[in-house]
Amino acid sequence: MLTLRTLFFEDLSVGMIERLDKTVSSSDVVGFAEVTGDRNPIHLSEHFAAKTSFGTRIAHGLYTASLISAVLGTRLPGPGAVYISQTLNFRAPVKIGDTVQVSVEVVELMPEKSRARLACRCSVEGETVLDGEALVKVPSRAAGGRPQPRL
């Protein structure tokens, strides 16, 4: 689990990167299904999944995307950051037992609105399984360290 680190807008610079590695377990996938209600058997039934083109169970795509959220909410930029939008491109499946490497990089700063655009990438053994961008509102010291009310 990532330790919390709060960065204010003024602490960010283009090129900053934060990473997370997470090995996907069966209990992660089952728990995600319980929380979301997405009980598609491709995620939960080895018997069903064996008959698909993947040949085995796969993690929910949004579970993988949630690992990006973990980085944004805990490390870069961290507590107080608020999602504005995100694009996601699913490139390949993530299987139970895969270790997902998540990277988030600051690619643009918008000081007039205390927003940051971040490139997000998830990979397994060097192969991109998900990529996209996130736009986040970041607390500013100028606003007293609190998120400004208008998004």
Protein backbone atom coordinates (compact mmCIF):
# COMPACT_ATOMS: atom_id res chain seq x y z
CA MET A 1 0.00 0.00 0.00
CA LEU A 2 1.28 3.46 -0.86
CA THR A 3 1.96 5.86 1.99
CA LEU A 4 0.18 9.19 1.79
CA ARG A 5 2.08 12.16 0.42
CA THR A 6 0.38 15.49 -0.09
CA LEU A 7 1.67 17.70 -2.86
CA PHE A 8 0.23 21.13 -3.46
CA PHE A 9 -0.09 22.56 -6.94
CA GLU A 10 3.03 24.64 -6.31
CA ASP A 11 5.04 21.45 -5.60
CA LEU A 12 4.31 19.90 -9.01
CA SER A 13 6.52 20.13 -12.07
CA VAL A 14 6.23 18.67 -15.54
CA GLY A 15 8.02 15.33 -15.70
CA MET A 16 7.33 14.24 -12.11
CA ILE A 17 6.54 10.51 -12.02
CA GLU A 18 5.12 8.20 -9.38
CA ARG A 19 4.89 4.41 -9.68
CA LEU A 20 3.07 1.52 -8.04
CA ASP A 21 3.44 -2.24 -8.53
CA LYS A 22 0.48 -4.44 -7.62
CA THR A 23 0.09 -8.19 -8.07
CA VAL A 24 -3.55 -8.95 -8.84
CA SER A 25 -5.02 -11.66 -6.63
CA SER A 26 -8.23 -13.61 -6.96
CA SER A 27 -9.50 -11.93 -3.79
CA ASP A 28 -8.89 -8.49 -5.37
CA VAL A 29 -11.08 -9.43 -8.33
CA VAL A 30 -13.77 -11.06 -6.19
CA GLY A 31 -13.80 -8.03 -3.88
CA PHE A 32 -14.09 -5.64 -6.82
CA ALA A 33 -17.03 -7.69 -8.14
CA GLU A 34 -18.72 -7.52 -4.74
CA VAL A 35 -18.25 -3.77 -4.44
CA THR A 36 -19.36 -2.93 -7.99
CA GLY A 37 -21.89 -5.69 -8.66
CA ASP A 38 -20.07 -6.62 -11.90
CA ARG A 39 -20.26 -10.40 -11.62
CA ASN A 40 -19.36 -11.17 -15.24
CA PRO A 41 -18.17 -14.81 -15.08
CA ILE A 42 -15.07 -13.97 -17.14
CA HIS A 43 -13.80 -12.41 -13.91
CA LEU A 44 -15.12 -14.97 -11.43
CA SER A 45 -15.42 -18.41 -13.04
CA GLU A 46 -12.34 -20.27 -14.22
CA HIS A 47 -14.61 -22.78 -15.98
CA PHE A 48 -16.37 -20.03 -17.95
CA ALA A 49 -13.19 -18.04 -18.64
CA ALA A 50 -11.37 -21.13 -19.95
CA LYS A 51 -13.80 -21.15 -22.90
CA THR A 52 -13.05 -17.54 -23.87
CA SER A 53 -10.28 -16.17 -26.05
CA PHE A 54 -8.34 -15.30 -22.86
CA GLY A 55 -8.33 -18.90 -21.65
CA THR A 56 -8.43 -17.84 -17.99
CA ARG A 57 -10.02 -15.34 -15.63
CA ILE A 58 -9.18 -11.68 -16.15
CA ALA A 59 -9.42 -8.67 -13.85
CA HIS A 60 -12.06 -6.03 -14.45
CA GLY A 61 -10.69 -3.26 -16.63
CA LEU A 62 -11.85 -0.67 -14.13
CA TYR A 63 -10.05 -2.53 -11.34
CA THR A 64 -6.83 -1.92 -13.26
CA ALA A 65 -7.85 1.72 -13.77
CA SER A 66 -8.51 2.02 -10.04
CA LEU A 67 -4.80 1.44 -9.47
CA ILE A 68 -4.23 4.75 -11.27
CA SER A 69 -6.67 6.32 -8.84
CA ALA A 70 -4.61 4.90 -5.96
CA VAL A 71 -1.53 6.76 -7.21
CA LEU A 72 -3.42 10.00 -7.85
CA GLY A 73 -5.17 9.95 -4.47
CA THR A 74 -2.21 8.97 -2.33
CA ARG A 75 1.06 10.12 -3.97
CA LEU A 76 0.84 12.29 -7.10
CA PRO A 77 -0.65 14.72 -6.33
CA GLY A 78 -2.11 12.98 -3.27
CA PRO A 79 -4.80 13.77 -0.69
CA GLY A 80 -7.10 16.63 -1.70
CA ALA A 81 -6.71 16.06 -5.45
CA VAL A 82 -10.05 15.73 -7.23
CA TYR A 83 -10.63 13.95 -10.54
CA ILE A 84 -12.04 16.21 -13.24
CA SER A 85 -11.85 13.70 -16.11
CA GLN A 86 -9.98 10.69 -17.38
CA THR A 87 -9.54 8.86 -20.66
CA LEU A 88 -8.79 5.14 -20.65
CA ASN A 89 -7.58 2.93 -23.48
CA PHE A 90 -7.68 -0.78 -22.65
CA ARG A 91 -4.94 -2.52 -24.65
CA ALA A 92 -4.69 -6.05 -23.19
CA PRO A 93 -6.19 -8.14 -20.39
CA VAL A 94 -4.79 -8.41 -16.87
CA LYS A 95 -4.89 -11.95 -15.50
CA ILE A 96 -4.99 -13.19 -11.94
CA GLY A 97 -1.37 -13.32 -10.71
CA ASP A 98 -0.12 -10.59 -13.08
CA THR A 99 1.91 -7.80 -11.52
CA VAL A 100 0.68 -4.47 -12.86
CA GLN A 101 3.17 -1.62 -13.02
CA VAL A 102 1.36 1.71 -12.79
CA SER A 103 3.02 5.00 -13.70
CA VAL A 104 1.57 8.49 -13.51
CA GLU A 105 3.47 11.45 -14.95
CA VAL A 106 2.72 15.16 -14.83
CA VAL A 107 2.58 16.34 -18.45
CA GLU A 108 0.95 19.77 -18.13
CA LEU A 109 0.23 22.30 -15.40
CA MET A 110 -2.59 24.85 -15.63
CA PRO A 111 -1.89 27.42 -12.90
CA GLU A 112 -4.96 29.57 -13.61
CA LYS A 113 -7.21 26.73 -12.40
CA SER A 114 -4.78 24.72 -10.21
CA ARG A 115 -5.18 21.76 -12.51
CA ALA A 116 -2.71 19.15 -13.70
CA ARG A 117 -2.87 16.84 -16.70
CA LEU A 118 -1.24 13.49 -16.04
CA ALA A 119 -0.29 10.66 -18.41
CA CYS A 120 -1.25 7.29 -16.96
CA ARG A 121 0.07 3.88 -17.98
CA CYS A 122 -0.41 0.36 -16.66
CA SER A 123 1.77 -2.45 -17.96
CA VAL A 124 2.42 -6.13 -17.32
CA GLU A 125 5.93 -7.40 -18.07
CA GLY A 126 6.60 -4.31 -20.19
CA GLU A 127 3.42 -4.63 -22.28
CA THR A 128 0.95 -1.74 -21.99
CA VAL A 129 -2.42 -3.02 -20.81
CA LEU A 130 -4.03 0.38 -20.19
CA ASP A 131 -3.10 3.97 -20.92
CA GLY A 132 -4.76 7.35 -20.86
CA GLU A 133 -4.77 10.76 -19.26
CA ALA A 134 -6.27 12.24 -16.13
CA LEU A 135 -7.14 15.84 -15.37
CA VAL A 136 -7.12 16.66 -11.67
CA LYS A 137 -7.79 19.70 -9.51
CA VAL A 138 -4.92 20.08 -7.04
CA PRO A 139 -5.05 21.96 -3.72
CA SER A 140 -3.05 25.17 -3.78
CA ARG A 141 -1.14 26.79 -0.96
CA ALA A 142 -2.51 30.08 -2.27
CA ALA A 143 -6.01 28.80 -1.41
CA GLY A 144 -4.94 27.85 2.09
CA GLY A 145 -4.12 24.25 1.17
CA ARG A 146 -7.73 23.34 0.52
CA PRO A 147 -9.28 22.39 -2.81
CA GLN A 148 -10.95 25.44 -4.28
CA PRO A 149 -14.74 25.09 -4.42
CA ARG A 150 -15.17 25.50 -8.20
CA LEU A 151 -14.02 22.59 -10.35
